[in-house]
């Protein structure tokens, strides 16, 4: 089962997240199938960039977004 979720990167107390498609059994920062965007929560307002076509493709293929990613996709207008 594939999930669309966040992969944490960045320095200590300066998080930066990549929005990725990964197998649900893989650890949080492990191997990914595809990277479809990023989310920088430190900036005000938050910096969000998503490849909408790739996100829609994975959603139609059955990938399940996590709750956090679902809200980010709604803010970006993908869902």
PDB file of N, CA and C in Angstrom:
ATOM      1  N   UNK A   1       0.834  -1.182   0.000  1.00  0.00           N
ATOM      2  CA  UNK A   1       0.000   0.000   0.000  1.00  0.00           C
ATOM      3  C   UNK A   1       0.882   1.250   0.000  1.00  0.00           C
ATOM      4  N   UNK A   2       0.574   2.174  -0.877  1.00  0.00           N
ATOM      5  CA  UNK A   2       1.349   3.411  -0.977  1.00  0.00           C
ATOM      6  C   UNK A   2       0.701   4.526  -0.175  1.00  0.00           C
ATOM      7  N   UNK A   3       1.542   5.360   0.403  1.00  0.00           N
ATOM      8  CA  UNK A   3       1.084   6.531   1.157  1.00  0.00           C
ATOM      9  C   UNK A   3       1.756   7.771   0.613  1.00  0.00           C
ATOM     10  N   UNK A   4       1.032   8.876   0.643  1.00  0.00           N
ATOM     11  CA  UNK A   4       1.617  10.177   0.352  1.00  0.00           C
ATOM     12  C   UNK A   4       1.855  10.802   1.716  1.00  0.00           C
ATOM     13  N   UNK A   5       3.115  11.066   2.035  1.00  0.00           N
ATOM     14  CA  UNK A   5       3.450  11.539   3.373  1.00  0.00           C
ATOM     15  C   UNK A   5       4.633  12.484   3.344  1.00  0.00           C
ATOM     16  N   UNK A   6       4.983  12.992   4.523  1.00  0.00           N
ATOM     17  CA  UNK A   6       6.090  13.939   4.651  1.00  0.00           C
ATOM     18  C   UNK A   6       7.376  13.209   4.985  1.00  0.00           C
ATOM     19  N   UNK A   7       8.462  13.679   4.402  1.00  0.00           N
ATOM     20  CA  UNK A   7       9.804  13.178   4.698  1.00  0.00           C
ATOM     21  C   UNK A   7      10.571  14.353   5.291  1.00  0.00           C
ATOM     22  N   UNK A   8      11.012  14.236   6.543  1.00  0.00           N
ATOM     23  CA  UNK A   8      11.645  15.355   7.229  1.00  0.00           C
ATOM     24  C   UNK A   8      13.090  15.525   6.803  1.00  0.00           C
ATOM     25  N   UNK A   9      13.447  16.778   6.531  1.00  0.00           N
ATOM     26  CA  UNK A   9      14.819  17.136   6.241  1.00  0.00           C
ATOM     27  C   UNK A   9      15.092  18.451   6.940  1.00  0.00           C
ATOM     28  N   UNK A  10      16.269  18.988   6.785  1.00  0.00           N
ATOM     29  CA  UNK A  10      16.597  20.257   7.407  1.00  0.00           C
ATOM     30  C   UNK A  10      17.407  20.071   8.673  1.00  0.00           C
ATOM     31  N   UNK A  11      17.823  21.189   9.242  1.00  0.00           N
ATOM     32  CA  UNK A  11      18.683  21.176  10.414  1.00  0.00           C
ATOM     33  C   UNK A  11      17.868  21.058  11.698  1.00  0.00           C
ATOM     34  N   UNK A  12      18.575  20.942  12.804  1.00  0.00           N
ATOM     35  CA  UNK A  12      17.957  20.857  14.122  1.00  0.00           C
ATOM     36  C   UNK A  12      17.120  22.111  14.386  1.00  0.00           C
ATOM     37  N   UNK A  13      15.857  21.921  14.751  1.00  0.00           N
ATOM     38  CA  UNK A  13      14.899  23.003  15.009  1.00  0.00           C
ATOM     39  C   UNK A  13      14.643  23.880  13.789  1.00  0.00           C
ATOM     40  N   UNK A  14      14.914  23.363  12.609  1.00  0.00           N
ATOM     41  CA  UNK A  14      14.648  24.073  11.358  1.00  0.00           C
ATOM     42  C   UNK A  14      14.130  23.056  10.343  1.00  0.00           C
ATOM     43  N   UNK A  15      12.936  22.516  10.574  1.00  0.00           N
ATOM     44  CA  UNK A  15      12.451  21.437   9.720  1.00  0.00           C
ATOM     45  C   UNK A  15      12.038  21.914   8.332  1.00  0.00           C
ATOM     46  N   UNK A  16      12.233  21.025   7.383  1.00  0.00           N
ATOM     47  CA  UNK A  16      11.846  21.214   5.988  1.00  0.00           C
ATOM     48  C   UNK A  16      11.327  19.862   5.533  1.00  0.00           C
ATOM     49  N   UNK A  17      10.167  19.833   4.943  1.00  0.00           N
ATOM     50  CA  UNK A  17       9.560  18.556   4.589  1.00  0.00           C
ATOM     51  C   UNK A  17       9.411  18.407   3.083  1.00  0.00           C
ATOM     52  N   UNK A  18       9.678  17.209   2.590  1.00  0.00           N
ATOM     53  CA  UNK A  18       9.401  16.862   1.209  1.00  0.00           C
ATOM     54  C   UNK A  18       8.135  16.004   1.209  1.00  0.00           C
ATOM     55  N   UNK A  19       7.261  16.254   0.266  1.00  0.00           N
ATOM     56  CA  UNK A  19       6.035  15.465   0.131  1.00  0.00           C
ATOM     57  C   UNK A  19       6.360  14.345  -0.845  1.00  0.00           C
ATOM     58  N   UNK A  20       6.272  13.107  -0.353  1.00  0.00           N
ATOM     59  CA  UNK A  20       6.718  11.961  -1.139  1.00  0.00           C
ATOM     60  C   UNK A  20       5.654  10.869  -1.176  1.00  0.00           C
ATOM     61  N   UNK A  21       5.776  10.005  -2.173  1.00  0.00           N
ATOM     62  CA  UNK A  21       4.981   8.785  -2.267  1.00  0.00           C
ATOM     63  C   UNK A  21       5.907   7.648  -1.858  1.00  0.00           C
ATOM     64  N   UNK A  22       5.498   6.880  -0.841  1.00  0.00           N
ATOM     65  CA  UNK A  22       6.343   5.804  -0.333  1.00  0.00           C
ATOM     66  C   UNK A  22       5.472   4.634   0.099  1.00  0.00           C
ATOM     67  N   UNK A  23       6.078   3.476   0.165  1.00  0.00           N
ATOM     68  CA  UNK A  23       5.403   2.297   0.685  1.00  0.00           C
ATOM     69  C   UNK A  23       5.113   2.528   2.168  1.00  0.00           C
ATOM     70  N   UNK A  24       3.953   2.111   2.624  1.00  0.00           N
ATOM     71  CA  UNK A  24       3.543   2.346   4.016  1.00  0.00           C
ATOM     72  C   UNK A  24       4.454   1.635   5.012  1.00  0.00           C
ATOM     73  N   UNK A  25       5.135   0.580   4.580  1.00  0.00           N
ATOM     74  CA  UNK A  25       5.980  -0.190   5.506  1.00  0.00           C
ATOM     75  C   UNK A  25       7.376   0.390   5.673  1.00  0.00           C
ATOM     76  N   UNK A  26       7.752   1.354   4.835  1.00  0.00           N
ATOM     77  CA  UNK A  26       9.089   1.943   4.883  1.00  0.00           C
ATOM     78  C   UNK A  26       9.133   3.024   5.953  1.00  0.00           C
ATOM     79  N   UNK A  27      10.287   3.162   6.610  1.00  0.00           N
ATOM     80  CA  UNK A  27      10.428   4.167   7.666  1.00  0.00           C
ATOM     81  C   UNK A  27      10.240   5.577   7.116  1.00  0.00           C
ATOM     82  N   UNK A  28      10.032   6.534   8.000  1.00  0.00           N
ATOM     83  CA  UNK A  28       9.674   7.905   7.619  1.00  0.00           C
ATOM     84  C   UNK A  28      10.636   8.529   6.612  1.00  0.00           C
ATOM     85  N   UNK A  29      11.932   8.409   6.854  1.00  0.00           N
ATOM     86  CA  UNK A  29      12.914   9.034   5.971  1.00  0.00           C
ATOM     87  C   UNK A  29      13.599   8.016   5.063  1.00  0.00           C
ATOM     88  N   UNK A  30      12.933   6.898   4.819  1.00  0.00           N
ATOM     89  CA  UNK A  30      13.518   5.838   4.012  1.00  0.00           C
ATOM     90  C   UNK A  30      13.303   6.045   2.522  1.00  0.00           C
ATOM     91  N   UNK A  31      13.365   4.942   1.798  1.00  0.00           N
ATOM     92  CA  UNK A  31      13.257   4.970   0.334  1.00  0.00           C
ATOM     93  C   UNK A  31      11.875   5.457  -0.097  1.00  0.00           C
ATOM     94  N   UNK A  32      11.843   6.210  -1.188  1.00  0.00           N
ATOM     95  CA  UNK A  32      10.585   6.744  -1.709  1.00  0.00           C
ATOM     96  C   UNK A  32      10.387   6.295  -3.149  1.00  0.00           C
ATOM     97  N   UNK A  33       9.137   6.299  -3.578  1.00  0.00           N
ATOM     98  CA  UNK A  33       8.804   5.965  -4.956  1.00  0.00           C
ATOM     99  C   UNK A  33       8.958   7.209  -5.830  1.00  0.00           C
ATOM    100  N   UNK A  34       8.403   8.339  -5.349  1.00  0.00           N
ATOM    101  CA  UNK A  34       8.500   9.591  -6.101  1.00  0.00           C
ATOM    102  C   UNK A  34       8.347  10.768  -5.144  1.00  0.00           C
ATOM    103  N   UNK A  35       9.058  11.837  -5.441  1.00  0.00           N
ATOM    104  CA  UNK A  35       8.940  13.080  -4.684  1.00  0.00           C
ATOM    105  C   UNK A  35       8.036  14.010  -5.481  1.00  0.00           C
ATOM    106  N   UNK A  36       6.950  14.506  -4.851  1.00  0.00           N
ATOM    107  CA  UNK A  36       5.986  15.308  -5.603  1.00  0.00           C
ATOM    108  C   UNK A  36       5.903  16.757  -5.139  1.00  0.00           C
ATOM    109  N   UNK A  37       6.697  17.140  -4.144  1.00  0.00           N
ATOM    110  CA  UNK A  37       6.669  18.535  -3.721  1.00  0.00           C
ATOM    111  C   UNK A  37       7.397  18.744  -2.418  1.00  0.00           C
ATOM    112  N   UNK A  38       7.234  19.958  -1.848  1.00  0.00           N
ATOM    113  CA  UNK A  38       7.840  20.243  -0.559  1.00  0.00           C
ATOM    114  C   UNK A  38       6.946  21.173   0.247  1.00  0.00           C
ATOM    115  N   UNK A  39       7.231  21.235   1.563  1.00  0.00           N
ATOM    116  CA  UNK A  39       6.464  22.037   2.509  1.00  0.00           C
ATOM    117  C   UNK A  39       7.435  22.603   3.530  1.00  0.00           C
ATOM    118  N   UNK A  40       7.520  23.931   3.595  1.00  0.00           N
ATOM    119  CA  UNK A  40       8.411  24.600   4.546  1.00  0.00           C
ATOM    120  C   UNK A  40       7.541  25.343   5.549  1.00  0.00           C
ATOM    121  N   UNK A  41       7.365  24.761   6.732  1.00  0.00           N
ATOM    122  CA  UNK A  41       6.479  25.318   7.751  1.00  0.00           C
ATOM    123  C   UNK A  41       7.124  26.461   8.523  1.00  0.00           C
ATOM    124  N   UNK A  42       8.440  26.618   8.434  1.00  0.00           N
ATOM    125  CA  UNK A  42       9.127  27.648   9.204  1.00  0.00           C
ATOM    126  C   UNK A  42       8.813  29.037   8.648  1.00  0.00           C
ATOM    127  N   UNK A  43       8.714  29.166   7.336  1.00  0.00           N
ATOM    128  CA  UNK A  43       8.425  30.460   6.718  1.00  0.00           C
ATOM    129  C   UNK A  43       6.997  30.891   7.039  1.00  0.00           C
ATOM    130  N   UNK A  44       6.789  32.179   7.100  1.00  0.00           N
ATOM    131  CA  UNK A  44       5.456  32.730   7.334  1.00  0.00           C
ATOM    132  C   UNK A  44       5.068  33.584   6.145  1.00  0.00           C
ATOM    133  N   UNK A  45       4.036  33.262   5.394  1.00  0.00           N
ATOM    134  CA  UNK A  45       3.236  32.047   5.490  1.00  0.00           C
ATOM    135  C   UNK A  45       4.006  30.829   4.973  1.00  0.00           C
ATOM    136  N   UNK A  46       3.515  29.659   5.295  1.00  0.00           N
ATOM    137  CA  UNK A  46       4.201  28.418   4.923  1.00  0.00           C
ATOM    138  C   UNK A  46       4.385  28.328   3.413  1.00  0.00           C
ATOM    139  N   UNK A  47       5.544  27.851   3.003  1.00  0.00           N
ATOM    140  CA  UNK A  47       5.896  27.719   1.588  1.00  0.00           C
ATOM    141  C   UNK A  47       5.531  26.317   1.130  1.00  0.00           C
ATOM    142  N   UNK A  48       4.586  26.226   0.206  1.00  0.00           N
ATOM    143  CA  UNK A  48       4.119  24.929  -0.293  1.00  0.00           C
ATOM    144  C   UNK A  48       4.269  24.906  -1.807  1.00  0.00           C
ATOM    145  N   UNK A  49       4.882  23.836  -2.323  1.00  0.00           N
ATOM    146  CA  UNK A  49       4.981  23.637  -3.767  1.00  0.00           C
ATOM    147  C   UNK A  49       4.697  22.173  -4.044  1.00  0.00           C
ATOM    148  N   UNK A  50       3.677  21.920  -4.864  1.00  0.00           N
ATOM    149  CA  UNK A  50       3.272  20.548  -5.166  1.00  0.00           C
ATOM    150  C   UNK A  50       3.067  20.411  -6.666  1.00  0.00           C
ATOM    151  N   UNK A  51       3.532  19.295  -7.219  1.00  0.00           N
ATOM    152  CA  UNK A  51       3.254  18.942  -8.607  1.00  0.00           C
ATOM    153  C   UNK A  51       1.835  18.360  -8.625  1.00  0.00           C
ATOM    154  N   UNK A  52       0.863  19.191  -8.984  1.00  0.00           N
ATOM    155  CA  UNK A  52      -0.545  18.800  -8.893  1.00  0.00           C
ATOM    156  C   UNK A  52      -0.870  17.595  -9.766  1.00  0.00           C
ATOM    157  N   UNK A  53      -0.293  17.533 -10.957  1.00  0.00           N
ATOM    158  CA  UNK A  53      -0.584  16.404 -11.847  1.00  0.00           C
ATOM    159  C   UNK A  53      -0.094  15.096 -11.248  1.00  0.00           C
ATOM    160  N   UNK A  54       1.114  15.098 -10.674  1.00  0.00           N
ATOM    161  CA  UNK A  54       1.660  13.882 -10.066  1.00  0.00           C
ATOM    162  C   UNK A  54       0.826  13.482  -8.845  1.00  0.00           C
ATOM    163  N   UNK A  55       0.419  14.455  -8.049  1.00  0.00           N
ATOM    164  CA  UNK A  55      -0.386  14.156  -6.864  1.00  0.00           C
ATOM    165  C   UNK A  55      -1.718  13.532  -7.269  1.00  0.00           C
ATOM    166  N   UNK A  56      -2.379  14.102  -8.272  1.00  0.00           N
ATOM    167  CA  UNK A  56      -3.658  13.554  -8.740  1.00  0.00           C
ATOM    168  C   UNK A  56      -3.479  12.157  -9.320  1.00  0.00           C
ATOM    169  N   UNK A  57      -2.355  11.944 -10.021  1.00  0.00           N
ATOM    170  CA  UNK A  57      -2.084  10.623 -10.592  1.00  0.00           C
ATOM    171  C   UNK A  57      -1.971   9.578  -9.484  1.00  0.00           C
ATOM    172  N   UNK A  58      -1.200   9.895  -8.425  1.00  0.00           N
ATOM    173  CA  UNK A  58      -1.017   8.932  -7.335  1.00  0.00           C
ATOM    174  C   UNK A  58      -2.301   8.726  -6.543  1.00  0.00           C
ATOM    175  N   UNK A  59      -3.085   9.783  -6.354  1.00  0.00           N
ATOM    176  CA  UNK A  59      -4.355   9.640  -5.650  1.00  0.00           C
ATOM    177  C   UNK A  59      -5.305   8.750  -6.445  1.00  0.00           C
ATOM    178  N   UNK A  60      -5.323   8.903  -7.764  1.00  0.00           N
ATOM    179  CA  UNK A  60      -6.196   8.065  -8.594  1.00  0.00           C
ATOM    180  C   UNK A  60      -5.717   6.617  -8.658  1.00  0.00           C
ATOM    181  N   UNK A  61      -4.409   6.406  -8.436  1.00  0.00           N
ATOM    182  CA  UNK A  61      -3.861   5.048  -8.429  1.00  0.00           C
ATOM    183  C   UNK A  61      -4.000   4.377  -7.069  1.00  0.00           C
ATOM    184  N   UNK A  62      -4.603   5.064  -6.089  1.00  0.00           N
ATOM    185  CA  UNK A  62      -4.884   4.431  -4.804  1.00  0.00           C
ATOM    186  C   UNK A  62      -3.967   4.800  -3.663  1.00  0.00           C
ATOM    187  N   UNK A  63      -3.055   5.737  -3.840  1.00  0.00           N
ATOM    188  CA  UNK A  63      -2.184   6.155  -2.740  1.00  0.00           C
ATOM    189  C   UNK A  63      -3.006   6.941  -1.726  1.00  0.00           C
ATOM    190  N   UNK A  64      -2.810   6.646  -0.440  1.00  0.00           N
ATOM    191  CA  UNK A  64      -3.566   7.289   0.625  1.00  0.00           C
ATOM    192  C   UNK A  64      -2.725   8.382   1.274  1.00  0.00           C
ATOM    193  N   UNK A  65      -3.208   9.639   1.295  1.00  0.00           N
ATOM    194  CA  UNK A  65      -2.451  10.694   1.974  1.00  0.00           C
ATOM    195  C   UNK A  65      -2.642  10.610   3.484  1.00  0.00           C
ATOM    196  N   UNK A  66      -1.612  11.006   4.236  1.00  0.00           N
ATOM    197  CA  UNK A  66      -1.753  11.105   5.681  1.00  0.00           C
ATOM    198  C   UNK A  66      -2.633  12.318   5.980  1.00  0.00           C
ATOM    199  N   UNK A  67      -3.072  12.457   7.225  1.00  0.00           N
ATOM    200  CA  UNK A  67      -3.946  13.572   7.589  1.00  0.00           C
ATOM    201  C   UNK A  67      -3.275  14.919   7.314  1.00  0.00           C
ATOM    202  N   UNK A  68      -1.991  15.027   7.666  1.00  0.00           N
ATOM    203  CA  UNK A  68      -1.265  16.281   7.463  1.00  0.00           C
ATOM    204  C   UNK A  68      -1.140  16.601   5.982  1.00  0.00           C
ATOM    205  N   UNK A  69      -0.783  15.612   5.196  1.00  0.00           N
ATOM    206  CA  UNK A  69      -0.636  15.838   3.752  1.00  0.00           C
ATOM    207  C   UNK A  69      -1.983  16.151   3.121  1.00  0.00           C
ATOM    208  N   UNK A  70      -3.037  15.531   3.617  1.00  0.00           N
ATOM    209  CA  UNK A  70      -4.375  15.822   3.085  1.00  0.00           C
ATOM    210  C   UNK A  70      -4.716  17.304   3.280  1.00  0.00           C
ATOM    211  N   UNK A  71      -4.415  17.849   4.450  1.00  0.00           N
ATOM    212  CA  UNK A  71      -4.699  19.262   4.691  1.00  0.00           C
ATOM    213  C   UNK A  71      -3.809  20.164   3.835  1.00  0.00           C
ATOM    214  N   UNK A  72      -2.555  19.761   3.610  1.00  0.00           N
ATOM    215  CA  UNK A  72      -1.663  20.541   2.744  1.00  0.00           C
ATOM    216  C   UNK A  72      -2.164  20.516   1.301  1.00  0.00           C
ATOM    217  N   UNK A  73      -2.630  19.350   0.838  1.00  0.00           N
ATOM    218  CA  UNK A  73      -3.172  19.253  -0.516  1.00  0.00           C
ATOM    219  C   UNK A  73      -4.411  20.114  -0.685  1.00  0.00           C
ATOM    220  N   UNK A  74      -5.251  20.190   0.357  1.00  0.00           N
ATOM    221  CA  UNK A  74      -6.440  21.044   0.298  1.00  0.00           C
ATOM    222  C   UNK A  74      -6.051  22.514   0.211  1.00  0.00           C
ATOM    223  N   UNK A  75      -5.035  22.918   1.008  1.00  0.00           N
ATOM    224  CA  UNK A  75      -4.574  24.308   0.969  1.00  0.00           C
ATOM    225  C   UNK A  75      -4.006  24.659  -0.408  1.00  0.00           C
ATOM    226  N   UNK A  76      -3.356  23.696  -1.038  1.00  0.00           N
ATOM    227  CA  UNK A  76      -2.758  23.935  -2.349  1.00  0.00           C
ATOM    228  C   UNK A  76      -3.781  23.823  -3.485  1.00  0.00           C
ATOM    229  N   UNK A  77      -4.989  23.367  -3.180  1.00  0.00           N
ATOM    230  CA  UNK A  77      -6.035  23.278  -4.190  1.00  0.00           C
ATOM    231  C   UNK A  77      -5.979  22.022  -5.034  1.00  0.00           C
ATOM    232  N   UNK A  78      -5.279  21.001  -4.568  1.00  0.00           N
ATOM    233  CA  UNK A  78      -5.183  19.756  -5.335  1.00  0.00           C
ATOM    234  C   UNK A  78      -6.387  18.864  -5.059  1.00  0.00           C
ATOM    235  N   UNK A  79      -6.865  18.848  -3.832  1.00  0.00           N
ATOM    236  CA  UNK A  79      -8.014  18.003  -3.469  1.00  0.00           C
ATOM    237  C   UNK A  79      -9.292  18.824  -3.444  1.00  0.00           C
TER     238      UNK A  79
END
